[in-house]
PDB file of all heavy atoms in Angstrom:
ATOM      1  N   ALA A   1     -14.616  10.459 -13.783  1.00  0.00           N
ATOM      2  CA  ALA A   1     -13.468  11.341 -13.998  1.00  0.00           C
ATOM      3  C   ALA A   1     -12.353  10.949 -13.034  1.00  0.00           C
ATOM      4  O   ALA A   1     -12.615  10.380 -11.980  1.00  0.00           O
ATOM      5  CB  ALA A   1     -13.871  12.794 -13.762  1.00  0.00           C
ATOM      6  N   PRO A   2     -11.112  11.252 -13.376  1.00  0.00           N
ATOM      7  CA  PRO A   2     -10.022  10.974 -12.443  1.00  0.00           C
ATOM      8  C   PRO A   2     -10.224  11.776 -11.158  1.00  0.00           C
ATOM      9  O   PRO A   2     -10.866  12.837 -11.170  1.00  0.00           O
ATOM     10  CB  PRO A   2      -8.774  11.461 -13.182  1.00  0.00           C
ATOM     11  CG  PRO A   2      -9.167  11.554 -14.615  1.00  0.00           C
ATOM     12  CD  PRO A   2     -10.634  11.826 -14.630  1.00  0.00           C
ATOM     13  N   PRO A   3      -9.674  11.316 -10.053  1.00  0.00           N
ATOM     14  CA  PRO A   3      -9.770  12.086  -8.810  1.00  0.00           C
ATOM     15  C   PRO A   3      -9.130  13.452  -8.984  1.00  0.00           C
ATOM     16  O   PRO A   3      -8.159  13.601  -9.724  1.00  0.00           O
ATOM     17  CB  PRO A   3      -8.999  11.251  -7.791  1.00  0.00           C
ATOM     18  CG  PRO A   3      -8.755   9.938  -8.420  1.00  0.00           C
ATOM     19  CD  PRO A   3      -8.918  10.082  -9.882  1.00  0.00           C
ATOM     20  N   LYS A   4      -9.647  14.438  -8.287  1.00  0.00           N
ATOM     21  CA  LYS A   4      -9.109  15.807  -8.398  1.00  0.00           C
ATOM     22  C   LYS A   4      -7.802  15.970  -7.639  1.00  0.00           C
ATOM     23  O   LYS A   4      -6.986  16.812  -7.966  1.00  0.00           O
ATOM     24  CB  LYS A   4     -10.151  16.804  -7.899  1.00  0.00           C
ATOM     25  CG  LYS A   4     -11.373  16.857  -8.776  1.00  0.00           C
ATOM     26  CD  LYS A   4     -12.403  17.819  -8.237  1.00  0.00           C
ATOM     27  CE  LYS A   4     -13.612  17.779  -9.170  1.00  0.00           C
ATOM     28  NZ  LYS A   4     -14.842  18.113  -8.522  1.00  0.00           N
ATOM     29  N   VAL A   5      -7.624  15.171  -6.580  1.00  0.00           N
ATOM     30  CA  VAL A   5      -6.434  15.274  -5.742  1.00  0.00           C
ATOM     31  C   VAL A   5      -5.891  13.861  -5.504  1.00  0.00           C
ATOM     32  O   VAL A   5      -6.658  12.930  -5.270  1.00  0.00           O
ATOM     33  CB  VAL A   5      -6.772  15.938  -4.392  1.00  0.00           C
ATOM     34  CG1 VAL A   5      -5.546  16.057  -3.518  1.00  0.00           C
ATOM     35  CG2 VAL A   5      -7.399  17.308  -4.591  1.00  0.00           C
ATOM     36  N   LEU A   6      -4.577  13.729  -5.582  1.00  0.00           N
ATOM     37  CA  LEU A   6      -3.936  12.440  -5.330  1.00  0.00           C
ATOM     38  C   LEU A   6      -2.901  12.564  -4.219  1.00  0.00           C
ATOM     39  O   LEU A   6      -2.185  13.563  -4.146  1.00  0.00           O
ATOM     40  CB  LEU A   6      -3.201  11.931  -6.571  1.00  0.00           C
ATOM     41  CG  LEU A   6      -4.006  11.517  -7.779  1.00  0.00           C
ATOM     42  CD1 LEU A   6      -3.067  11.119  -8.915  1.00  0.00           C
ATOM     43  CD2 LEU A   6      -4.950  10.391  -7.451  1.00  0.00           C
ATOM     44  N   LEU A   7      -2.853  11.555  -3.382  1.00  0.00           N
ATOM     45  CA  LEU A   7      -1.734  11.378  -2.469  1.00  0.00           C
ATOM     46  C   LEU A   7      -0.916  10.252  -3.071  1.00  0.00           C
ATOM     47  O   LEU A   7      -1.400   9.129  -3.233  1.00  0.00           O
ATOM     48  CB  LEU A   7      -2.205  11.004  -1.061  1.00  0.00           C
ATOM     49  CG  LEU A   7      -1.110  10.542  -0.101  1.00  0.00           C
ATOM     50  CD1 LEU A   7      -0.074  11.646   0.120  1.00  0.00           C
ATOM     51  CD2 LEU A   7      -1.701  10.071   1.203  1.00  0.00           C
ATOM     52  N   ILE A   8       0.315  10.563  -3.443  1.00  0.00           N
ATOM     53  CA  ILE A   8       1.198   9.582  -4.063  1.00  0.00           C
ATOM     54  C   ILE A   8       2.336   9.300  -3.087  1.00  0.00           C
ATOM     55  O   ILE A   8       3.038  10.223  -2.663  1.00  0.00           O
ATOM     56  CB  ILE A   8       1.777  10.101  -5.400  1.00  0.00           C
ATOM     57  CG1 ILE A   8       0.627  10.485  -6.346  1.00  0.00           C
ATOM     58  CG2 ILE A   8       2.703   9.066  -6.018  1.00  0.00           C
ATOM     59  CD1 ILE A   8       1.078  11.252  -7.572  1.00  0.00           C
ATOM     60  N   VAL A   9       2.483   8.039  -2.716  1.00  0.00           N
ATOM     61  CA  VAL A   9       3.574   7.628  -1.833  1.00  0.00           C
ATOM     62  C   VAL A   9       4.538   6.800  -2.670  1.00  0.00           C
ATOM     63  O   VAL A   9       4.152   5.798  -3.263  1.00  0.00           O
ATOM     64  CB  VAL A   9       3.053   6.810  -0.635  1.00  0.00           C
ATOM     65  CG1 VAL A   9       4.211   6.339   0.234  1.00  0.00           C
ATOM     66  CG2 VAL A   9       2.050   7.624   0.178  1.00  0.00           C
ATOM     67  N   ARG A  10       5.776   7.262  -2.745  1.00  0.00           N
ATOM     68  CA  ARG A  10       6.810   6.552  -3.503  1.00  0.00           C
ATOM     69  C   ARG A  10       7.762   5.920  -2.505  1.00  0.00           C
ATOM     70  O   ARG A  10       8.321   6.596  -1.648  1.00  0.00           O
ATOM     71  CB  ARG A  10       7.576   7.527  -4.393  1.00  0.00           C
ATOM     72  CG  ARG A  10       8.685   6.876  -5.178  1.00  0.00           C
ATOM     73  CD  ARG A  10       9.511   7.936  -5.921  1.00  0.00           C
ATOM     74  NE  ARG A  10      10.698   7.362  -6.470  1.00  0.00           N
ATOM     75  CZ  ARG A  10      11.863   7.275  -5.837  1.00  0.00           C
ATOM     76  NH1 ARG A  10      11.996   7.738  -4.624  1.00  0.00           N
ATOM     77  NH2 ARG A  10      12.910   6.720  -6.416  1.00  0.00           N
ATOM     78  N   GLU A  11       7.899   4.611  -2.614  1.00  0.00           N
ATOM     79  CA  GLU A  11       8.804   3.883  -1.741  1.00  0.00           C
ATOM     80  C   GLU A  11       9.917   3.276  -2.586  1.00  0.00           C
ATOM     81  O   GLU A  11       9.643   2.606  -3.572  1.00  0.00           O
ATOM     82  CB  GLU A  11       8.075   2.756  -1.002  1.00  0.00           C
ATOM     83  CG  GLU A  11       7.028   3.234  -0.049  1.00  0.00           C
ATOM     84  CD  GLU A  11       6.337   2.105   0.706  1.00  0.00           C
ATOM     85  OE1 GLU A  11       6.583   0.921   0.383  1.00  0.00           O
ATOM     86  OE2 GLU A  11       5.551   2.412   1.615  1.00  0.00           O
ATOM     87  N   GLU A  12      11.135   3.546  -2.195  1.00  0.00           N
ATOM     88  CA  GLU A  12      12.263   2.892  -2.837  1.00  0.00           C
ATOM     89  C   GLU A  12      12.679   1.753  -1.919  1.00  0.00           C
ATOM     90  O   GLU A  12      13.003   1.956  -0.748  1.00  0.00           O
ATOM     91  CB  GLU A  12      13.427   3.864  -3.054  1.00  0.00           C
ATOM     92  CG  GLU A  12      14.501   3.261  -3.914  1.00  0.00           C
ATOM     93  CD  GLU A  12      15.554   4.280  -4.315  1.00  0.00           C
ATOM     94  OE1 GLU A  12      15.232   5.470  -4.429  1.00  0.00           O
ATOM     95  OE2 GLU A  12      16.703   3.859  -4.517  1.00  0.00           O
ATOM     96  N   ILE A  13      12.616   0.530  -2.449  1.00  0.00           N
ATOM     97  CA  ILE A  13      12.873  -0.662  -1.671  1.00  0.00           C
ATOM     98  C   ILE A  13      14.345  -1.058  -1.812  1.00  0.00           C
ATOM     99  O   ILE A  13      14.919  -0.988  -2.898  1.00  0.00           O
ATOM    100  CB  ILE A  13      11.965  -1.831  -2.148  1.00  0.00           C
ATOM    101  CG1 ILE A  13      10.506  -1.372  -2.250  1.00  0.00           C
ATOM    102  CG2 ILE A  13      12.114  -3.048  -1.250  1.00  0.00           C
ATOM    103  CD1 ILE A  13       9.924  -0.776  -0.996  1.00  0.00           C
ATOM    104  N   LYS A  14      14.941  -1.463  -0.699  1.00  0.00           N
ATOM    105  CA  LYS A  14      16.345  -1.890  -0.739  1.00  0.00           C
ATOM    106  C   LYS A  14      16.495  -3.102  -1.652  1.00  0.00           C
ATOM    107  O   LYS A  14      15.597  -3.949  -1.726  1.00  0.00           O
ATOM    108  CB  LYS A  14      16.826  -2.229   0.665  1.00  0.00           C
ATOM    109  CG  LYS A  14      16.951  -1.013   1.565  1.00  0.00           C
ATOM    110  CD  LYS A  14      17.419  -1.405   2.948  1.00  0.00           C
ATOM    111  CE  LYS A  14      17.534  -0.163   3.833  1.00  0.00           C
ATOM    112  NZ  LYS A  14      17.878  -0.520   5.226  1.00  0.00           N
ATOM    113  N   PRO A  15      17.627  -3.191  -2.376  1.00  0.00           N
ATOM    114  CA  PRO A  15      17.847  -4.334  -3.266  1.00  0.00           C
ATOM    115  C   PRO A  15      17.711  -5.661  -2.511  1.00  0.00           C
ATOM    116  O   PRO A  15      18.186  -5.807  -1.384  1.00  0.00           O
ATOM    117  CB  PRO A  15      19.287  -4.131  -3.760  1.00  0.00           C
ATOM    118  CG  PRO A  15      19.500  -2.648  -3.660  1.00  0.00           C
ATOM    119  CD  PRO A  15      18.724  -2.215  -2.442  1.00  0.00           C
ATOM    120  N   GLY A  16      17.015  -6.602  -3.148  1.00  0.00           N
ATOM    121  CA  GLY A  16      16.815  -7.920  -2.566  1.00  0.00           C
ATOM    122  C   GLY A  16      15.661  -8.015  -1.580  1.00  0.00           C
ATOM    123  O   GLY A  16      15.383  -9.090  -1.056  1.00  0.00           O
ATOM    124  N   MET A  17      14.991  -6.898  -1.327  1.00  0.00           N
ATOM    125  CA  MET A  17      13.927  -6.886  -0.318  1.00  0.00           C
ATOM    126  C   MET A  17      12.520  -6.807  -0.926  1.00  0.00           C
ATOM    127  O   MET A  17      11.541  -6.700  -0.202  1.00  0.00           O
ATOM    128  CB  MET A  17      14.125  -5.706   0.642  1.00  0.00           C
ATOM    129  CG  MET A  17      15.412  -5.757   1.433  1.00  0.00           C
ATOM    130  SD  MET A  17      15.522  -7.204   2.509  1.00  0.00           S
ATOM    131  CE  MET A  17      14.319  -6.815   3.741  1.00  0.00           C
ATOM    132  N   MET A  18      12.414  -6.867  -2.259  1.00  0.00           N
ATOM    133  CA  MET A  18      11.102  -6.694  -2.887  1.00  0.00           C
ATOM    134  C   MET A  18      10.123  -7.796  -2.483  1.00  0.00           C
ATOM    135  O   MET A  18       8.951  -7.529  -2.251  1.00  0.00           O
ATOM    136  CB  MET A  18      11.235  -6.610  -4.401  1.00  0.00           C
ATOM    137  CG  MET A  18       9.991  -6.087  -5.079  1.00  0.00           C
ATOM    138  SD  MET A  18       9.432  -4.499  -4.442  1.00  0.00           S
ATOM    139  CE  MET A  18       9.745  -3.469  -5.820  1.00  0.00           C
ATOM    140  N   GLY A  19      10.572  -9.029  -2.381  1.00  0.00           N
ATOM    141  CA  GLY A  19       9.695 -10.128  -1.963  1.00  0.00           C
ATOM    142  C   GLY A  19       9.175  -9.920  -0.545  1.00  0.00           C
ATOM    143  O   GLY A  19       7.980 -10.087  -0.277  1.00  0.00           O
ATOM    144  N   ALA A  20      10.075  -9.567   0.356  1.00  0.00           N
ATOM    145  CA  ALA A  20       9.671  -9.303   1.743  1.00  0.00           C
ATOM    146  C   ALA A  20       8.726  -8.107   1.799  1.00  0.00           C
ATOM    147  O   ALA A  20       7.762  -8.096   2.570  1.00  0.00           O
ATOM    148  CB  ALA A  20      10.898  -9.054   2.612  1.00  0.00           C
ATOM    149  N   HIS A  21       8.997  -7.098   0.965  1.00  0.00           N
ATOM    150  CA  HIS A  21       8.130  -5.924   0.945  1.00  0.00           C
ATOM    151  C   HIS A  21       6.736  -6.279   0.428  1.00  0.00           C
ATOM    152  O   HIS A  21       5.741  -5.776   0.936  1.00  0.00           O
ATOM    153  CB  HIS A  21       8.740  -4.815   0.089  1.00  0.00           C
ATOM    154  CG  HIS A  21       7.918  -3.570   0.077  1.00  0.00           C
ATOM    155  ND1 HIS A  21       6.962  -3.343  -0.889  1.00  0.00           N
ATOM    156  CD2 HIS A  21       7.875  -2.522   0.927  1.00  0.00           C
ATOM    157  CE1 HIS A  21       6.375  -2.183  -0.630  1.00  0.00           C
ATOM    158  NE2 HIS A  21       6.907  -1.674   0.457  1.00  0.00           N
ATOM    159  N   ALA A  22       6.652  -7.143  -0.564  1.00  0.00           N
ATOM    160  CA  ALA A  22       5.349  -7.558  -1.096  1.00  0.00           C
ATOM    161  C   ALA A  22       4.527  -8.248  -0.004  1.00  0.00           C
ATOM    162  O   ALA A  22       3.331  -7.994   0.155  1.00  0.00           O
ATOM    163  CB  ALA A  22       5.531  -8.469  -2.298  1.00  0.00           C
ATOM    164  N   ARG A  23       5.166  -9.114   0.774  1.00  0.00           N
ATOM    165  CA  ARG A  23       4.476  -9.780   1.881  1.00  0.00           C
ATOM    166  C   ARG A  23       4.042  -8.764   2.937  1.00  0.00           C
ATOM    167  O   ARG A  23       2.923  -8.777   3.428  1.00  0.00           O
ATOM    168  CB  ARG A  23       5.381 -10.836   2.515  1.00  0.00           C
ATOM    169  CG  ARG A  23       4.712 -11.579   3.680  1.00  0.00           C
ATOM    170  CD  ARG A  23       5.709 -12.201   4.655  1.00  0.00           C
ATOM    171  NE  ARG A  23       6.768 -11.347   5.137  1.00  0.00           N
ATOM    172  CZ  ARG A  23       6.637 -10.462   6.145  1.00  0.00           C
ATOM    173  NH1 ARG A  23       5.484 -10.267   6.734  1.00  0.00           N
ATOM    174  NH2 ARG A  23       7.679  -9.739   6.537  1.00  0.00           N
ATOM    175  N   HIS A  24       4.952  -7.852   3.247  1.00  0.00           N
ATOM    176  CA  HIS A  24       4.698  -6.809   4.239  1.00  0.00           C
ATOM    177  C   HIS A  24       3.502  -5.945   3.817  1.00  0.00           C
ATOM    178  O   HIS A  24       2.601  -5.671   4.616  1.00  0.00           O
ATOM    179  CB  HIS A  24       5.969  -5.957   4.381  1.00  0.00           C
ATOM    180  CG  HIS A  24       5.906  -4.908   5.425  1.00  0.00           C
ATOM    181  ND1 HIS A  24       5.602  -3.611   5.137  1.00  0.00           N
ATOM    182  CD2 HIS A  24       6.116  -4.978   6.757  1.00  0.00           C
ATOM    183  CE1 HIS A  24       5.629  -2.905   6.255  1.00  0.00           C
ATOM    184  NE2 HIS A  24       5.943  -3.710   7.247  1.00  0.00           N
ATOM    185  N   SER A  25       3.474  -5.555   2.554  1.00  0.00           N
ATOM    186  CA  SER A  25       2.372  -4.730   2.044  1.00  0.00           C
ATOM    187  C   SER A  25       1.056  -5.497   2.073  1.00  0.00           C
ATOM    188  O   SER A  25       0.009  -4.939   2.413  1.00  0.00           O
ATOM    189  CB  SER A  25       2.667  -4.268   0.622  1.00  0.00           C
ATOM    190  OG  SER A  25       3.782  -3.415   0.618  1.00  0.00           O
ATOM    191  N   ALA A  26       1.102  -6.775   1.721  1.00  0.00           N
ATOM    192  CA  ALA A  26      -0.113  -7.604   1.763  1.00  0.00           C
ATOM    193  C   ALA A  26      -0.630  -7.725   3.193  1.00  0.00           C
ATOM    194  O   ALA A  26      -1.847  -7.704   3.428  1.00  0.00           O
ATOM    195  CB  ALA A  26       0.175  -8.982   1.173  1.00  0.00           C
ATOM    196  N   ASP A  27       0.286  -7.821   4.159  1.00  0.00           N
ATOM    197  CA  ASP A  27      -0.137  -7.864   5.563  1.00  0.00           C
ATOM    198  C   ASP A  27      -0.812  -6.557   5.971  1.00  0.00           C
ATOM    199  O   ASP A  27      -1.810  -6.564   6.695  1.00  0.00           O
ATOM    200  CB  ASP A  27       1.053  -8.140   6.476  1.00  0.00           C
ATOM    201  CG  ASP A  27       1.547  -9.581   6.389  1.00  0.00           C
ATOM    202  OD1 ASP A  27       0.813 -10.431   5.834  1.00  0.00           O
ATOM    203  OD2 ASP A  27       2.669  -9.854   6.874  1.00  0.00           O
ATOM    204  N   PHE A  28      -0.274  -5.420   5.508  1.00  0.00           N
ATOM    205  CA  PHE A  28      -0.902  -4.128   5.804  1.00  0.00           C
ATOM    206  C   PHE A  28      -2.296  -4.047   5.184  1.00  0.00           C
ATOM    207  O   PHE A  28      -3.232  -3.545   5.802  1.00  0.00           O
ATOM    208  CB  PHE A  28      -0.048  -2.959   5.312  1.00  0.00           C
ATOM    209  CG  PHE A  28       0.622  -2.206   6.428  1.00  0.00           C
ATOM    210  CD1 PHE A  28       1.993  -2.213   6.534  1.00  0.00           C
ATOM    211  CD2 PHE A  28      -0.108  -1.504   7.363  1.00  0.00           C
ATOM    212  CE1 PHE A  28       2.630  -1.530   7.559  1.00  0.00           C
ATOM    213  CE2 PHE A  28       0.507  -0.819   8.394  1.00  0.00           C
ATOM    214  CZ  PHE A  28       1.878  -0.834   8.496  1.00  0.00           C
ATOM    215  N   VAL A  29      -2.439  -4.542   3.966  1.00  0.00           N
ATOM    216  CA  VAL A  29      -3.753  -4.554   3.314  1.00  0.00           C
ATOM    217  C   VAL A  29      -4.729  -5.383   4.140  1.00  0.00           C
ATOM    218  O   VAL A  29      -5.885  -5.005   4.326  1.00  0.00           O
ATOM    219  CB  VAL A  29      -3.648  -5.085   1.864  1.00  0.00           C
ATOM    220  CG1 VAL A  29      -5.024  -5.374   1.282  1.00  0.00           C
ATOM    221  CG2 VAL A  29      -2.899  -4.090   0.993  1.00  0.00           C
ATOM    222  N   GLY A  30      -4.267  -6.514   4.663  1.00  0.00           N
ATOM    223  CA  GLY A  30      -5.110  -7.338   5.522  1.00  0.00           C
ATOM    224  C   GLY A  30      -5.562  -6.596   6.764  1.00  0.00           C
ATOM    225  O   GLY A  30      -6.721  -6.685   7.172  1.00  0.00           O
ATOM    226  N   VAL A  31      -4.651  -5.835   7.363  1.00  0.00           N
ATOM    227  CA  VAL A  31      -4.992  -5.035   8.545  1.00  0.00           C
ATOM    228  C   VAL A  31      -6.022  -3.973   8.171  1.00  0.00           C
ATOM    229  O   VAL A  31      -7.016  -3.781   8.880  1.00  0.00           O
ATOM    230  CB  VAL A  31      -3.727  -4.395   9.158  1.00  0.00           C
ATOM    231  CG1 VAL A  31      -4.088  -3.340  10.188  1.00  0.00           C
ATOM    232  CG2 VAL A  31      -2.835  -5.461   9.769  1.00  0.00           C
ATOM    233  N   PHE A  32      -5.798  -3.273   7.061  1.00  0.00           N
ATOM    234  CA  PHE A  32      -6.751  -2.252   6.612  1.00  0.00           C
ATOM    235  C   PHE A  32      -8.139  -2.872   6.402  1.00  0.00           C
ATOM    236  O   PHE A  32      -9.147  -2.276   6.767  1.00  0.00           O
ATOM    237  CB  PHE A  32      -6.289  -1.589   5.320  1.00  0.00           C
ATOM    238  CG  PHE A  32      -5.165  -0.593   5.478  1.00  0.00           C
ATOM    239  CD1 PHE A  32      -4.599  -0.002   4.367  1.00  0.00           C
ATOM    240  CD2 PHE A  32      -4.665  -0.247   6.717  1.00  0.00           C
ATOM    241  CE1 PHE A  32      -3.570   0.925   4.484  1.00  0.00           C
ATOM    242  CE2 PHE A  32      -3.640   0.672   6.858  1.00  0.00           C
ATOM    243  CZ  PHE A  32      -3.087   1.255   5.737  1.00  0.00           C
ATOM    244  N   ASN A  33      -8.165  -4.063   5.806  1.00  0.00           N
ATOM    245  CA  ASN A  33      -9.458  -4.728   5.581  1.00  0.00           C
ATOM    246  C   ASN A  33     -10.124  -5.113   6.892  1.00  0.00           C
ATOM    247  O   ASN A  33     -11.332  -4.918   7.062  1.00  0.00           O
ATOM    248  CB  ASN A  33      -9.290  -5.965   4.696  1.00  0.00           C
ATOM    249  CG  ASN A  33      -9.081  -5.616   3.244  1.00  0.00           C
ATOM    250  OD1 ASN A  33      -9.511  -4.566   2.777  1.00  0.00           O
ATOM    251  ND2 ASN A  33      -8.409  -6.482   2.525  1.00  0.00           N
ATOM    252  N   GLN A  34      -9.355  -5.675   7.823  1.00  0.00           N
ATOM    253  CA  GLN A  34      -9.935  -6.086   9.101  1.00  0.00           C
ATOM    254  C   GLN A  34     -10.440  -4.890   9.901  1.00  0.00           C
ATOM    255  O   GLN A  34     -11.466  -4.981  10.574  1.00  0.00           O
ATOM    256  CB  GLN A  34      -8.918  -6.867   9.929  1.00  0.00           C
ATOM    257  CG  GLN A  34      -8.682  -8.260   9.405  1.00  0.00           C
ATOM    258  CD  GLN A  34      -7.668  -9.021  10.250  1.00  0.00           C
ATOM    259  OE1 GLN A  34      -6.828  -8.430  10.928  1.00  0.00           O
ATOM    260  NE2 GLN A  34      -7.736 -10.343  10.204  1.00  0.00           N
ATOM    261  N   LEU A  35      -9.726  -3.779   9.836  1.00  0.00           N
ATOM    262  CA  LEU A  35     -10.145  -2.575  10.556  1.00  0.00           C
ATOM    263  C   LEU A  35     -11.210  -1.794   9.788  1.00  0.00           C
ATOM    264  O   LEU A  35     -11.742  -0.822  10.300  1.00  0.00           O
ATOM    265  CB  LEU A  35      -8.941  -1.673  10.831  1.00  0.00           C
ATOM    266  CG  LEU A  35      -7.899  -2.224  11.794  1.00  0.00           C
ATOM    267  CD1 LEU A  35      -6.709  -1.264  11.887  1.00  0.00           C
ATOM    268  CD2 LEU A  35      -8.501  -2.459  13.169  1.00  0.00           C
ATOM    269  N   GLN A  36     -11.483  -2.220   8.558  1.00  0.00           N
ATOM    270  CA  GLN A  36     -12.462  -1.568   7.685  1.00  0.00           C
ATOM    271  C   GLN A  36     -12.166  -0.065   7.545  1.00  0.00           C
ATOM    272  O   GLN A  36     -13.029   0.779   7.725  1.00  0.00           O
ATOM    273  CB  GLN A  36     -13.882  -1.799   8.188  1.00  0.00           C
ATOM    274  CG  GLN A  36     -14.262  -3.262   8.179  1.00  0.00           C
ATOM    275  CD  GLN A  36     -15.667  -3.524   8.681  1.00  0.00           C
ATOM    276  OE1 GLN A  36     -16.294  -2.680   9.303  1.00  0.00           O
ATOM    277  NE2 GLN A  36     -16.158  -4.707   8.397  1.00  0.00           N
ATOM    278  N   THR A  37     -10.912   0.238   7.202  1.00  0.00           N
ATOM    279  CA  THR A  37     -10.519   1.633   7.016  1.00  0.00           C
ATOM    280  C   THR A  37     -11.085   2.157   5.693  1.00  0.00           C
ATOM    281  O   THR A  37     -11.335   1.382   4.772  1.00  0.00           O
ATOM    282  CB  THR A  37      -8.981   1.781   6.988  1.00  0.00           C
ATOM    283  OG1 THR A  37      -8.487   1.156   5.819  1.00  0.00           O
ATOM    284  CG2 THR A  37      -8.341   1.180   8.225  1.00  0.00           C
ATOM    285  N   PRO A  38     -11.254   3.475   5.588  1.00  0.00           N
ATOM    286  CA  PRO A  38     -11.725   4.056   4.331  1.00  0.00           C
ATOM    287  C   PRO A  38     -10.596   4.250   3.322  1.00  0.00           C
ATOM    288  O   PRO A  38     -10.785   4.834   2.269  1.00  0.00           O
ATOM    289  CB  PRO A  38     -12.286   5.410   4.771  1.00  0.00           C
ATOM    290  CG  PRO A  38     -11.448   5.777   5.951  1.00  0.00           C
ATOM    291  CD  PRO A  38     -11.152   4.470   6.653  1.00  0.00           C
ATOM    292  N   ASN A  39      -9.415   3.738   3.655  1.00  0.00           N
ATOM    293  CA  ASN A  39      -8.223   3.937   2.839  1.00  0.00           C
ATOM    294  C   ASN A  39      -8.214   2.946   1.681  1.00  0.00           C
ATOM    295  O   ASN A  39      -8.000   1.751   1.881  1.00  0.00           O
ATOM    296  CB  ASN A  39      -6.986   3.749   3.726  1.00  0.00           C
ATOM    297  CG  ASN A  39      -5.726   4.236   3.086  1.00  0.00           C
ATOM    298  OD1 ASN A  39      -5.616   4.279   1.868  1.00  0.00           O
ATOM    299  ND2 ASN A  39      -4.760   4.613   3.891  1.00  0.00           N
ATOM    300  N   HIS A  40      -8.437   3.443   0.473  1.00  0.00           N
ATOM    301  CA  HIS A  40      -8.372   2.617  -0.738  1.00  0.00           C
ATOM    302  C   HIS A  40      -7.240   3.161  -1.591  1.00  0.00           C
ATOM    303  O   HIS A  40      -7.200   4.345  -1.886  1.00  0.00           O
ATOM    304  CB  HIS A  40      -9.690   2.678  -1.509  1.00  0.00           C
ATOM    305  CG  HIS A  40     -10.848   2.201  -0.700  1.00  0.00           C
ATOM    306  ND1 HIS A  40     -11.117   0.871  -0.506  1.00  0.00           N
ATOM    307  CD2 HIS A  40     -11.785   2.882  -0.011  1.00  0.00           C
ATOM    308  CE1 HIS A  40     -12.186   0.744   0.249  1.00  0.00           C
ATOM    309  NE2 HIS A  40     -12.614   1.952   0.573  1.00  0.00           N
ATOM    310  N   ARG A  41      -6.324   2.302  -1.962  1.00  0.00           N
ATOM    311  CA  ARG A  41      -5.182   2.765  -2.734  1.00  0.00           C
ATOM    312  C   ARG A  41      -4.864   1.791  -3.849  1.00  0.00           C
ATOM    313  O   ARG A  41      -5.202   0.615  -3.796  1.00  0.00           O
ATOM    314  CB  ARG A  41      -3.970   2.970  -1.840  1.00  0.00           C
ATOM    315  CG  ARG A  41      -3.421   1.687  -1.251  1.00  0.00           C
ATOM    316  CD  ARG A  41      -2.278   1.967  -0.310  1.00  0.00           C
ATOM    317  NE  ARG A  41      -1.664   0.711   0.130  1.00  0.00           N
ATOM    318  CZ  ARG A  41      -0.705   0.631   0.999  1.00  0.00           C
ATOM    319  NH1 ARG A  41      -0.212   1.733   1.532  1.00  0.00           N
ATOM    320  NH2 ARG A  41      -0.193  -0.513   1.354  1.00  0.00           N
ATOM    321  N   ILE A  42      -4.188   2.315  -4.840  1.00  0.00           N
ATOM    322  CA  ILE A  42      -3.696   1.506  -5.942  1.00  0.00           C
ATOM    323  C   ILE A  42      -2.188   1.383  -5.752  1.00  0.00           C
ATOM    324  O   ILE A  42      -1.502   2.391  -5.555  1.00  0.00           O
ATOM    325  CB  ILE A  42      -4.017   2.164  -7.301  1.00  0.00           C
ATOM    326  CG1 ILE A  42      -5.521   2.230  -7.509  1.00  0.00           C
ATOM    327  CG2 ILE A  42      -3.345   1.397  -8.434  1.00  0.00           C
ATOM    328  CD1 ILE A  42      -5.929   3.001  -8.740  1.00  0.00           C
TER     329      ILE A  42
END
């Protein structure tokens, strides 16, 4: 079943910064993986 509660984070990225943001987000995912956080997000 779908989760009963969602935390939704909406980020509006400045024009021209989407590529840098994608790299930045991938780096954060790497940190989460290395720290083995319980944070799983889509």
